[in-house]
PDB file of N, CA and C in Angstrom:
ATOM      1  N   UNK A   1     -10.008 -36.382 -50.247  1.00  0.00           N
ATOM      2  CA  UNK A   1      -8.317 -37.539 -49.859  1.00  0.00           C
ATOM      3  C   UNK A   1      -9.908 -39.543 -50.740  1.00  0.00           C
ATOM      4  N   UNK A   2      -8.306 -40.094 -51.223  1.00  0.00           N
ATOM      5  CA  UNK A   2      -9.203 -41.670 -51.210  1.00  0.00           C
ATOM      6  C   UNK A   2      -9.841 -41.665 -50.457  1.00  0.00           C
ATOM      7  N   UNK A   3     -10.357 -42.972 -50.250  1.00  0.00           N
ATOM      8  CA  UNK A   3     -10.887 -43.754 -49.252  1.00  0.00           C
ATOM      9  C   UNK A   3      -9.845 -44.484 -48.677  1.00  0.00           C
ATOM     10  N   UNK A   4      -8.692 -45.034 -50.312  1.00  0.00           N
ATOM     11  CA  UNK A   4      -7.538 -45.984 -49.427  1.00  0.00           C
ATOM     12  C   UNK A   4      -6.306 -44.799 -49.818  1.00  0.00           C
ATOM     13  N   UNK A   5      -6.115 -44.921 -48.327  1.00  0.00           N
ATOM     14  CA  UNK A   5      -4.895 -43.479 -48.830  1.00  0.00           C
ATOM     15  C   UNK A   5      -3.126 -44.075 -48.739  1.00  0.00           C
ATOM     16  N   UNK A   6      -3.705 -45.689 -48.581  1.00  0.00           N
ATOM     17  CA  UNK A   6      -2.419 -45.820 -48.390  1.00  0.00           C
ATOM     18  C   UNK A   6      -2.245 -47.013 -49.812  1.00  0.00           C
ATOM     19  N   UNK A   7      -0.964 -46.895 -50.771  1.00  0.00           N
ATOM     20  CA  UNK A   7      -1.317 -47.893 -51.693  1.00  0.00           C
ATOM     21  C   UNK A   7       0.576 -48.474 -51.458  1.00  0.00           C
ATOM     22  N   UNK A   8       0.453 -49.843 -52.861  1.00  0.00           N
ATOM     23  CA  UNK A   8       1.192 -50.398 -52.905  1.00  0.00           C
ATOM     24  C   UNK A   8       1.666 -49.692 -54.487  1.00  0.00           C
ATOM     25  N   UNK A   9       2.574 -49.993 -54.781  1.00  0.00           N
ATOM     26  CA  UNK A   9       3.016 -49.444 -56.427  1.00  0.00           C
ATOM     27  C   UNK A   9       4.242 -49.663 -56.717  1.00  0.00           C
ATOM     28  N   UNK A  10       4.598 -50.969 -58.487  1.00  0.00           N
ATOM     29  CA  UNK A  10       4.987 -51.743 -58.568  1.00  0.00           C
ATOM     30  C   UNK A  10       5.785 -51.185 -59.738  1.00  0.00           C
ATOM     31  N   UNK A  11       7.060 -51.481 -59.368  1.00  0.00           N
ATOM     32  CA  UNK A  11       7.920 -52.074 -60.627  1.00  0.00           C
ATOM     33  C   UNK A  11       8.721 -52.384 -61.185  1.00  0.00           C
ATOM     34  N   UNK A  12       9.376 -52.397 -61.919  1.00  0.00           N
ATOM     35  CA  UNK A  12      10.640 -53.144 -62.855  1.00  0.00           C
ATOM     36  C   UNK A  12      12.031 -52.655 -62.871  1.00  0.00           C
ATOM     37  N   UNK A  13      12.549 -53.558 -62.640  1.00  0.00           N
ATOM     38  CA  UNK A  13      14.390 -52.304 -63.001  1.00  0.00           C
ATOM     39  C   UNK A  13      14.774 -53.998 -63.871  1.00  0.00           C
ATOM     40  N   UNK A  14      15.605 -53.257 -64.821  1.00  0.00           N
ATOM     41  CA  UNK A  14      16.620 -54.539 -65.187  1.00  0.00           C
ATOM     42  C   UNK A  14      17.539 -55.064 -64.405  1.00  0.00           C
ATOM     43  N   UNK A  15      17.772 -54.119 -63.449  1.00  0.00           N
ATOM     44  CA  UNK A  15      18.797 -54.070 -62.514  1.00  0.00           C
ATOM     45  C   UNK A  15      19.401 -54.692 -61.192  1.00  0.00           C
ATOM     46  N   UNK A  16      20.258 -54.482 -60.370  1.00  0.00           N
ATOM     47  CA  UNK A  16      20.440 -54.524 -59.239  1.00  0.00           C
ATOM     48  C   UNK A  16      20.777 -53.389 -58.323  1.00  0.00           C
ATOM     49  N   UNK A  17      21.252 -52.576 -59.692  1.00  0.00           N
ATOM     50  CA  UNK A  17      21.434 -51.072 -58.930  1.00  0.00           C
ATOM     51  C   UNK A  17      21.108 -49.699 -59.597  1.00  0.00           C
ATOM     52  N   UNK A  18      19.998 -50.121 -60.913  1.00  0.00           N
ATOM     53  CA  UNK A  18      18.935 -49.419 -60.948  1.00  0.00           C
ATOM     54  C   UNK A  18      17.953 -49.554 -59.713  1.00  0.00           C
ATOM     55  N   UNK A  19      17.621 -50.911 -59.774  1.00  0.00           N
ATOM     56  CA  UNK A  19      16.666 -51.156 -58.623  1.00  0.00           C
ATOM     57  C   UNK A  19      17.138 -49.970 -57.413  1.00  0.00           C
ATOM     58  N   UNK A  20      18.458 -50.070 -57.067  1.00  0.00           N
ATOM     59  CA  UNK A  20      18.979 -50.182 -55.301  1.00  0.00           C
ATOM     60  C   UNK A  20      18.593 -48.141 -55.708  1.00  0.00           C
ATOM     61  N   UNK A  21      18.936 -47.506 -56.550  1.00  0.00           N
ATOM     62  CA  UNK A  21      19.387 -46.471 -56.829  1.00  0.00           C
ATOM     63  C   UNK A  21      18.045 -46.195 -56.598  1.00  0.00           C
ATOM     64  N   UNK A  22      16.519 -46.272 -57.523  1.00  0.00           N
ATOM     65  CA  UNK A  22      15.351 -46.013 -57.171  1.00  0.00           C
ATOM     66  C   UNK A  22      14.718 -46.472 -55.791  1.00  0.00           C
ATOM     67  N   UNK A  23      14.792 -47.185 -55.822  1.00  0.00           N
ATOM     68  CA  UNK A  23      14.702 -47.653 -53.959  1.00  0.00           C
ATOM     69  C   UNK A  23      14.835 -46.574 -52.887  1.00  0.00           C
ATOM     70  N   UNK A  24      16.213 -46.386 -52.695  1.00  0.00           N
ATOM     71  CA  UNK A  24      17.215 -45.781 -51.886  1.00  0.00           C
ATOM     72  C   UNK A  24      16.867 -43.974 -52.001  1.00  0.00           C
ATOM     73  N   UNK A  25      16.279 -43.809 -53.720  1.00  0.00           N
ATOM     74  CA  UNK A  25      15.478 -41.787 -53.739  1.00  0.00           C
ATOM     75  C   UNK A  25      14.421 -41.607 -53.081  1.00  0.00           C
ATOM     76  N   UNK A  26      13.843 -42.759 -53.534  1.00  0.00           N
ATOM     77  CA  UNK A  26      12.401 -43.028 -52.712  1.00  0.00           C
ATOM     78  C   UNK A  26      12.078 -42.939 -51.550  1.00  0.00           C
ATOM     79  N   UNK A  27      12.816 -43.647 -51.204  1.00  0.00           N
ATOM     80  CA  UNK A  27      12.989 -43.592 -48.881  1.00  0.00           C
ATOM     81  C   UNK A  27      13.462 -42.813 -48.565  1.00  0.00           C
ATOM     82  N   UNK A  28      15.227 -42.274 -49.205  1.00  0.00           N
ATOM     83  CA  UNK A  28      15.478 -41.119 -48.782  1.00  0.00           C
ATOM     84  C   UNK A  28      15.254 -39.565 -49.168  1.00  0.00           C
ATOM     85  N   UNK A  29      13.926 -39.826 -49.643  1.00  0.00           N
ATOM     86  CA  UNK A  29      13.600 -37.931 -50.012  1.00  0.00           C
ATOM     87  C   UNK A  29      12.037 -38.603 -50.386  1.00  0.00           C
ATOM     88  N   UNK A  30      10.964 -39.478 -48.949  1.00  0.00           N
ATOM     89  CA  UNK A  30      10.363 -38.990 -48.698  1.00  0.00           C
ATOM     90  C   UNK A  30       9.544 -39.260 -49.253  1.00  0.00           C
ATOM     91  N   UNK A  31       9.194 -40.477 -50.252  1.00  0.00           N
ATOM     92  CA  UNK A  31       8.126 -40.784 -51.234  1.00  0.00           C
ATOM     93  C   UNK A  31       7.542 -41.805 -50.992  1.00  0.00           C
ATOM     94  N   UNK A  32       8.137 -42.964 -50.306  1.00  0.00           N
ATOM     95  CA  UNK A  32       8.033 -43.592 -50.462  1.00  0.00           C
ATOM     96  C   UNK A  32       8.652 -43.765 -48.555  1.00  0.00           C
ATOM     97  N   UNK A  33       7.723 -45.236 -47.832  1.00  0.00           N
ATOM     98  CA  UNK A  33       7.837 -45.817 -46.141  1.00  0.00           C
ATOM     99  C   UNK A  33       9.347 -46.652 -45.924  1.00  0.00           C
ATOM    100  N   UNK A  34       8.908 -47.198 -47.358  1.00  0.00           N
ATOM    101  CA  UNK A  34       9.731 -48.647 -47.750  1.00  0.00           C
ATOM    102  C   UNK A  34       9.377 -48.846 -49.049  1.00  0.00           C
ATOM    103  N   UNK A  35      11.008 -49.693 -49.761  1.00  0.00           N
ATOM    104  CA  UNK A  35      10.598 -50.370 -50.581  1.00  0.00           C
ATOM    105  C   UNK A  35      11.516 -51.323 -50.846  1.00  0.00           C
ATOM    106  N   UNK A  36      10.294 -52.490 -51.139  1.00  0.00           N
ATOM    107  CA  UNK A  36      11.482 -53.994 -51.248  1.00  0.00           C
ATOM    108  C   UNK A  36      12.196 -54.786 -52.651  1.00  0.00           C
ATOM    109  N   UNK A  37      12.968 -54.898 -52.476  1.00  0.00           N
ATOM    110  CA  UNK A  37      13.729 -55.024 -54.146  1.00  0.00           C
ATOM    111  C   UNK A  37      13.455 -57.232 -54.091  1.00  0.00           C
ATOM    112  N   UNK A  38      12.478 -57.191 -55.014  1.00  0.00           N
ATOM    113  CA  UNK A  38      13.003 -58.550 -54.871  1.00  0.00           C
ATOM    114  C   UNK A  38      13.323 -59.176 -56.470  1.00  0.00           C
ATOM    115  N   UNK A  39      14.528 -59.275 -56.002  1.00  0.00           N
ATOM    116  CA  UNK A  39      15.343 -60.572 -57.744  1.00  0.00           C
ATOM    117  C   UNK A  39      14.691 -61.433 -58.500  1.00  0.00           C
ATOM    118  N   UNK A  40      14.904 -62.133 -59.724  1.00  0.00           N
ATOM    119  CA  UNK A  40      14.543 -63.428 -59.744  1.00  0.00           C
ATOM    120  C   UNK A  40      13.247 -63.413 -60.778  1.00  0.00           C
ATOM    121  N   UNK A  41      12.999 -62.275 -61.190  1.00  0.00           N
ATOM    122  CA  UNK A  41      11.140 -62.257 -62.177  1.00  0.00           C
ATOM    123  C   UNK A  41      11.870 -62.162 -63.138  1.00  0.00           C
ATOM    124  N   UNK A  42      10.565 -63.086 -64.518  1.00  0.00           N
ATOM    125  CA  UNK A  42      11.193 -63.172 -65.588  1.00  0.00           C
ATOM    126  C   UNK A  42      10.080 -62.669 -66.001  1.00  0.00           C
ATOM    127  N   UNK A  43       9.474 -61.530 -66.858  1.00  0.00           N
ATOM    128  CA  UNK A  43       8.923 -61.276 -67.570  1.00  0.00           C
ATOM    129  C   UNK A  43       8.972 -61.578 -69.291  1.00  0.00           C
ATOM    130  N   UNK A  44       7.608 -60.728 -68.816  1.00  0.00           N
ATOM    131  CA  UNK A  44       7.584 -61.640 -70.968  1.00  0.00           C
ATOM    132  C   UNK A  44       6.207 -60.259 -70.929  1.00  0.00           C
ATOM    133  N   UNK A  45       6.264 -60.212 -72.295  1.00  0.00           N
ATOM    134  CA  UNK A  45       5.593 -58.664 -72.973  1.00  0.00           C
ATOM    135  C   UNK A  45       5.715 -58.815 -73.927  1.00  0.00           C
ATOM    136  N   UNK A  46       5.301 -57.742 -74.468  1.00  0.00           N
ATOM    137  CA  UNK A  46       4.614 -57.285 -76.218  1.00  0.00           C
ATOM    138  C   UNK A  46       5.776 -55.733 -76.288  1.00  0.00           C
ATOM    139  N   UNK A  47       6.685 -55.528 -77.155  1.00  0.00           N
ATOM    140  CA  UNK A  47       7.000 -54.285 -77.255  1.00  0.00           C
ATOM    141  C   UNK A  47       7.388 -54.548 -77.843  1.00  0.00           C
ATOM    142  N   UNK A  48       6.780 -53.056 -79.442  1.00  0.00           N
ATOM    143  CA  UNK A  48       6.815 -52.853 -80.479  1.00  0.00           C
ATOM    144  C   UNK A  48       6.822 -54.185 -81.237  1.00  0.00           C
ATOM    145  N   UNK A  49       5.533 -54.324 -80.543  1.00  0.00           N
ATOM    146  CA  UNK A  49       4.492 -55.732 -82.122  1.00  0.00           C
ATOM    147  C   UNK A  49       5.538 -56.889 -81.380  1.00  0.00           C
ATOM    148  N   UNK A  50       5.891 -56.497 -80.564  1.00  0.00           N
ATOM    149  CA  UNK A  50       6.812 -58.221 -80.246  1.00  0.00           C
ATOM    150  C   UNK A  50       7.025 -58.949 -78.490  1.00  0.00           C
ATOM    151  N   UNK A  51       7.095 -60.209 -79.423  1.00  0.00           N
ATOM    152  CA  UNK A  51       6.693 -60.576 -77.808  1.00  0.00           C
ATOM    153  C   UNK A  51       8.877 -61.141 -76.926  1.00  0.00           C
ATOM    154  N   UNK A  52       8.425 -60.098 -75.956  1.00  0.00           N
ATOM    155  CA  UNK A  52      10.106 -60.548 -75.609  1.00  0.00           C
ATOM    156  C   UNK A  52       9.537 -60.914 -74.362  1.00  0.00           C
ATOM    157  N   UNK A  53      11.477 -61.203 -73.735  1.00  0.00           N
ATOM    158  CA  UNK A  53      11.198 -61.161 -72.624  1.00  0.00           C
ATOM    159  C   UNK A  53      12.437 -61.495 -72.217  1.00  0.00           C
ATOM    160  N   UNK A  54      12.573 -60.866 -70.826  1.00  0.00           N
ATOM    161  CA  UNK A  54      13.851 -60.823 -70.071  1.00  0.00           C
ATOM    162  C   UNK A  54      14.100 -60.868 -68.363  1.00  0.00           C
ATOM    163  N   UNK A  55      15.409 -60.591 -67.655  1.00  0.00           N
ATOM    164  CA  UNK A  55      15.139 -60.803 -66.536  1.00  0.00           C
ATOM    165  C   UNK A  55      14.982 -59.249 -65.580  1.00  0.00           C
ATOM    166  N   UNK A  56      14.513 -59.379 -64.711  1.00  0.00           N
ATOM    167  CA  UNK A  56      14.315 -58.403 -64.482  1.00  0.00           C
ATOM    168  C   UNK A  56      14.428 -58.040 -62.531  1.00  0.00           C
ATOM    169  N   UNK A  57      14.397 -56.940 -61.411  1.00  0.00           N
ATOM    170  CA  UNK A  57      13.851 -57.418 -60.420  1.00  0.00           C
ATOM    171  C   UNK A  57      12.421 -56.214 -60.760  1.00  0.00           C
ATOM    172  N   UNK A  58      11.187 -56.686 -59.421  1.00  0.00           N
ATOM    173  CA  UNK A  58      10.750 -56.279 -59.517  1.00  0.00           C
ATOM    174  C   UNK A  58      10.516 -55.297 -57.545  1.00  0.00           C
ATOM    175  N   UNK A  59      10.177 -53.967 -58.010  1.00  0.00           N
ATOM    176  CA  UNK A  59      10.412 -53.130 -56.904  1.00  0.00           C
ATOM    177  C   UNK A  59       8.834 -52.826 -56.348  1.00  0.00           C
ATOM    178  N   UNK A  60       8.348 -52.811 -54.472  1.00  0.00           N
ATOM    179  CA  UNK A  60       7.425 -52.720 -54.068  1.00  0.00           C
ATOM    180  C   UNK A  60       7.504 -51.270 -53.237  1.00  0.00           C
ATOM    181  N   UNK A  61       6.901 -50.705 -53.418  1.00  0.00           N
ATOM    182  CA  UNK A  61       7.212 -49.314 -53.665  1.00  0.00           C
ATOM    183  C   UNK A  61       5.455 -49.382 -51.744  1.00  0.00           C
ATOM    184  N   UNK A  62       6.178 -48.957 -51.042  1.00  0.00           N
ATOM    185  CA  UNK A  62       4.791 -48.647 -50.367  1.00  0.00           C
ATOM    186  C   UNK A  62       4.691 -47.106 -49.645  1.00  0.00           C
ATOM    187  N   UNK A  63       3.308 -46.889 -50.222  1.00  0.00           N
ATOM    188  CA  UNK A  63       3.788 -44.953 -49.787  1.00  0.00           C
ATOM    189  C   UNK A  63       1.952 -44.608 -49.773  1.00  0.00           C
ATOM    190  N   UNK A  64       1.257 -42.847 -50.556  1.00  0.00           N
ATOM    191  CA  UNK A  64       0.405 -42.765 -49.777  1.00  0.00           C
ATOM    192  C   UNK A  64      -0.605 -42.206 -51.156  1.00  0.00           C
ATOM    193  N   UNK A  65      -1.292 -42.339 -51.211  1.00  0.00           N
ATOM    194  CA  UNK A  65      -2.130 -42.510 -52.928  1.00  0.00           C
ATOM    195  C   UNK A  65      -1.624 -40.334 -53.709  1.00  0.00           C
ATOM    196  N   UNK A  66      -1.540 -39.475 -52.071  1.00  0.00           N
ATOM    197  CA  UNK A  66      -1.173 -38.091 -52.192  1.00  0.00           C
ATOM    198  C   UNK A  66       0.386 -38.311 -53.368  1.00  0.00           C
ATOM    199  N   UNK A  67       1.563 -38.938 -53.080  1.00  0.00           N
ATOM    200  CA  UNK A  67       2.407 -38.436 -53.302  1.00  0.00           C
ATOM    201  C   UNK A  67       1.917 -39.340 -54.736  1.00  0.00           C
ATOM    202  N   UNK A  68       2.001 -40.497 -54.899  1.00  0.00           N
ATOM    203  CA  UNK A  68       1.874 -41.664 -56.306  1.00  0.00           C
ATOM    204  C   UNK A  68       2.050 -40.374 -57.419  1.00  0.00           C
ATOM    205  N   UNK A  69       1.769 -39.269 -57.456  1.00  0.00           N
ATOM    206  CA  UNK A  69       2.000 -38.612 -58.749  1.00  0.00           C
ATOM    207  C   UNK A  69       4.442 -37.769 -58.711  1.00  0.00           C
ATOM    208  N   UNK A  70       4.175 -37.903 -57.734  1.00  0.00           N
ATOM    209  CA  UNK A  70       5.405 -37.553 -57.023  1.00  0.00           C
ATOM    210  C   UNK A  70       6.409 -38.952 -57.418  1.00  0.00           C
ATOM    211  N   UNK A  71       6.254 -39.576 -56.969  1.00  0.00           N
ATOM    212  CA  UNK A  71       6.233 -41.023 -57.182  1.00  0.00           C
ATOM    213  C   UNK A  71       6.462 -41.479 -58.603  1.00  0.00           C
ATOM    214  N   UNK A  72       5.566 -41.386 -58.998  1.00  0.00           N
ATOM    215  CA  UNK A  72       5.139 -41.347 -60.237  1.00  0.00           C
ATOM    216  C   UNK A  72       7.168 -40.399 -61.550  1.00  0.00           C
ATOM    217  N   UNK A  73       7.206 -39.779 -61.173  1.00  0.00           N
ATOM    218  CA  UNK A  73       7.754 -38.710 -61.845  1.00  0.00           C
ATOM    219  C   UNK A  73       9.729 -39.315 -61.300  1.00  0.00           C
ATOM    220  N   UNK A  74       9.213 -39.301 -59.991  1.00  0.00           N
ATOM    221  CA  UNK A  74      10.788 -40.261 -59.201  1.00  0.00           C
ATOM    222  C   UNK A  74      11.498 -41.258 -60.443  1.00  0.00           C
ATOM    223  N   UNK A  75      10.099 -41.796 -60.616  1.00  0.00           N
ATOM    224  CA  UNK A  75      11.095 -43.129 -61.290  1.00  0.00           C
ATOM    225  C   UNK A  75      10.977 -43.260 -62.512  1.00  0.00           C
ATOM    226  N   UNK A  76      10.585 -42.489 -63.351  1.00  0.00           N
ATOM    227  CA  UNK A  76      10.930 -41.623 -64.688  1.00  0.00           C
ATOM    228  C   UNK A  76      12.308 -41.213 -64.772  1.00  0.00           C
ATOM    229  N   UNK A  77      12.137 -40.204 -63.451  1.00  0.00           N
ATOM    230  CA  UNK A  77      13.478 -39.730 -64.030  1.00  0.00           C
ATOM    231  C   UNK A  77      14.810 -40.605 -63.862  1.00  0.00           C
ATOM    232  N   UNK A  78      14.205 -41.288 -62.663  1.00  0.00           N
ATOM    233  CA  UNK A  78      15.440 -42.232 -62.214  1.00  0.00           C
ATOM    234  C   UNK A  78      16.053 -44.277 -63.195  1.00  0.00           C
ATOM    235  N   UNK A  79      14.698 -44.099 -63.739  1.00  0.00           N
ATOM    236  CA  UNK A  79      14.440 -45.501 -64.624  1.00  0.00           C
ATOM    237  C   UNK A  79      15.315 -45.733 -66.283  1.00  0.00           C
ATOM    238  N   UNK A  80      15.903 -46.565 -66.926  1.00  0.00           N
ATOM    239  CA  UNK A  80      16.509 -46.156 -67.539  1.00  0.00           C
ATOM    240  C   UNK A  80      15.826 -46.664 -68.979  1.00  0.00           C
ATOM    241  N   UNK A  81      14.353 -47.557 -68.607  1.00  0.00           N
ATOM    242  CA  UNK A  81      13.015 -48.000 -69.594  1.00  0.00           C
ATOM    243  C   UNK A  81      12.625 -46.816 -69.980  1.00  0.00           C
ATOM    244  N   UNK A  82      12.434 -46.655 -71.126  1.00  0.00           N
ATOM    245  CA  UNK A  82      11.602 -46.383 -72.248  1.00  0.00           C
ATOM    246  C   UNK A  82      10.522 -45.537 -71.583  1.00  0.00           C
ATOM    247  N   UNK A  83       9.012 -46.291 -71.202  1.00  0.00           N
ATOM    248  CA  UNK A  83       8.245 -47.339 -70.495  1.00  0.00           C
ATOM    249  C   UNK A  83       8.206 -47.442 -69.566  1.00  0.00           C
ATOM    250  N   UNK A  84       8.918 -47.025 -68.118  1.00  0.00           N
ATOM    251  CA  UNK A  84       8.930 -47.593 -67.619  1.00  0.00           C
ATOM    252  C   UNK A  84       7.891 -48.087 -66.241  1.00  0.00           C
ATOM    253  N   UNK A  85       7.218 -49.785 -66.157  1.00  0.00           N
ATOM    254  CA  UNK A  85       6.145 -50.404 -65.383  1.00  0.00           C
ATOM    255  C   UNK A  85       6.248 -49.276 -64.164  1.00  0.00           C
ATOM    256  N   UNK A  86       4.883 -48.978 -63.524  1.00  0.00           N
ATOM    257  CA  UNK A  86       4.012 -47.840 -62.841  1.00  0.00           C
ATOM    258  C   UNK A  86       3.029 -48.517 -62.624  1.00  0.00           C
ATOM    259  N   UNK A  87       2.553 -49.242 -61.533  1.00  0.00           N
ATOM    260  CA  UNK A  87       1.297 -49.640 -61.525  1.00  0.00           C
ATOM    261  C   UNK A  87       1.212 -49.635 -59.626  1.00  0.00           C
ATOM    262  N   UNK A  88       0.188 -48.881 -59.221  1.00  0.00           N
ATOM    263  CA  UNK A  88      -0.110 -48.413 -57.717  1.00  0.00           C
ATOM    264  C   UNK A  88      -1.566 -49.629 -57.448  1.00  0.00           C
ATOM    265  N   UNK A  89      -1.309 -50.279 -56.582  1.00  0.00           N
ATOM    266  CA  UNK A  89      -2.620 -50.972 -55.791  1.00  0.00           C
ATOM    267  C   UNK A  89      -3.245 -50.406 -54.164  1.00  0.00           C
ATOM    268  N   UNK A  90      -4.572 -49.664 -53.662  1.00  0.00           N
ATOM    269  CA  UNK A  90      -4.837 -49.731 -53.310  1.00  0.00           C
ATOM    270  C   UNK A  90      -4.623 -50.818 -51.870  1.00  0.00           C
ATOM    271  N   UNK A  91      -4.315 -50.259 -50.821  1.00  0.00           N
ATOM    272  CA  UNK A  91      -3.827 -50.876 -49.974  1.00  0.00           C
ATOM    273  C   UNK A  91      -5.608 -51.126 -49.356  1.00  0.00           C
ATOM    274  N   UNK A  92      -6.368 -52.496 -49.425  1.00  0.00           N
ATOM    275  CA  UNK A  92      -7.498 -51.925 -48.231  1.00  0.00           C
ATOM    276  C   UNK A  92      -7.956 -52.290 -47.352  1.00  0.00           C
ATOM    277  N   UNK A  93      -6.563 -52.848 -46.567  1.00  0.00           N
ATOM    278  CA  UNK A  93      -6.420 -53.845 -45.298  1.00  0.00           C
ATOM    279  C   UNK A  93      -5.420 -53.375 -44.483  1.00  0.00           C
ATOM    280  N   UNK A  94      -5.179 -53.529 -43.581  1.00  0.00           N
ATOM    281  CA  UNK A  94      -3.763 -52.833 -42.855  1.00  0.00           C
ATOM    282  C   UNK A  94      -4.058 -53.023 -41.479  1.00  0.00           C
ATOM    283  N   UNK A  95      -2.825 -53.151 -40.622  1.00  0.00           N
ATOM    284  CA  UNK A  95      -3.002 -52.893 -39.726  1.00  0.00           C
ATOM    285  C   UNK A  95      -2.443 -51.527 -39.206  1.00  0.00           C
ATOM    286  N   UNK A  96      -2.993 -51.168 -38.387  1.00  0.00           N
ATOM    287  CA  UNK A  96      -3.355 -49.411 -37.833  1.00  0.00           C
ATOM    288  C   UNK A  96      -1.904 -49.071 -37.781  1.00  0.00           C
ATOM    289  N   UNK A  97      -0.963 -49.813 -36.822  1.00  0.00           N
ATOM    290  CA  UNK A  97       0.209 -49.256 -37.053  1.00  0.00           C
ATOM    291  C   UNK A  97       0.959 -48.804 -37.603  1.00  0.00           C
ATOM    292  N   UNK A  98       0.999 -49.860 -38.904  1.00  0.00           N
ATOM    293  CA  UNK A  98       1.751 -50.435 -39.722  1.00  0.00           C
ATOM    294  C   UNK A  98       1.236 -48.708 -40.139  1.00  0.00           C
ATOM    295  N   UNK A  99      -0.543 -48.701 -40.994  1.00  0.00           N
ATOM    296  CA  UNK A  99       0.035 -47.856 -41.861  1.00  0.00           C
ATOM    297  C   UNK A  99      -0.715 -46.269 -40.721  1.00  0.00           C
ATOM    298  N   UNK A 100      -0.372 -46.399 -39.895  1.00  0.00           N
ATOM    299  CA  UNK A 100       0.102 -44.739 -39.596  1.00  0.00           C
ATOM    300  C   UNK A 100       1.774 -44.609 -39.503  1.00  0.00           C
ATOM    301  N   UNK A 101       2.773 -45.764 -40.149  1.00  0.00           N
ATOM    302  CA  UNK A 101       3.758 -45.574 -40.205  1.00  0.00           C
ATOM    303  C   UNK A 101       4.163 -45.064 -41.336  1.00  0.00           C
ATOM    304  N   UNK A 102       3.260 -45.438 -42.391  1.00  0.00           N
ATOM    305  CA  UNK A 102       3.556 -45.286 -43.492  1.00  0.00           C
ATOM    306  C   UNK A 102       3.481 -43.979 -43.914  1.00  0.00           C
ATOM    307  N   UNK A 103       2.441 -43.440 -43.422  1.00  0.00           N
ATOM    308  CA  UNK A 103       1.760 -42.270 -42.613  1.00  0.00           C
ATOM    309  C   UNK A 103       3.125 -41.164 -42.851  1.00  0.00           C
ATOM    310  N   UNK A 104       3.259 -41.733 -41.744  1.00  0.00           N
ATOM    311  CA  UNK A 104       4.865 -40.728 -40.876  1.00  0.00           C
ATOM    312  C   UNK A 104       5.631 -41.254 -41.699  1.00  0.00           C
ATOM    313  N   UNK A 105       5.267 -41.395 -42.184  1.00  0.00           N
ATOM    314  CA  UNK A 105       6.975 -41.494 -43.065  1.00  0.00           C
ATOM    315  C   UNK A 105       7.460 -40.881 -44.367  1.00  0.00           C
ATOM    316  N   UNK A 106       6.230 -40.859 -45.133  1.00  0.00           N
ATOM    317  CA  UNK A 106       6.136 -40.296 -46.118  1.00  0.00           C
ATOM    318  C   UNK A 106       5.647 -38.520 -46.153  1.00  0.00           C
ATOM    319  N   UNK A 107       6.153 -38.074 -46.877  1.00  0.00           N
ATOM    320  CA  UNK A 107       5.423 -36.552 -46.634  1.00  0.00           C
ATOM    321  C   UNK A 107       5.098 -35.885 -47.825  1.00  0.00           C
TER     322      UNK A 107
END
């Protein structure tokens, strides 16, 4: 097991329906304990050798490191982007109660 068993996964979506579908599915399928959907972000990125800009929603997923592969697969299944953002960062500190809740909520 990882030194940091809990992670936060970031993804983006082009619209609210897609973001909510991803969030709800991850929680319903017990791949994530909680997912926050934050509107109003602007992404500037390089795609197909051009700088592009889009308004998106940020999806913040709390889960365990062991479930990361399944979270990735599910995001890819549900996402409309050819290459969706899927980036994980370890939770290096957190309240014991919250970390226990994440563990208990994710199978």
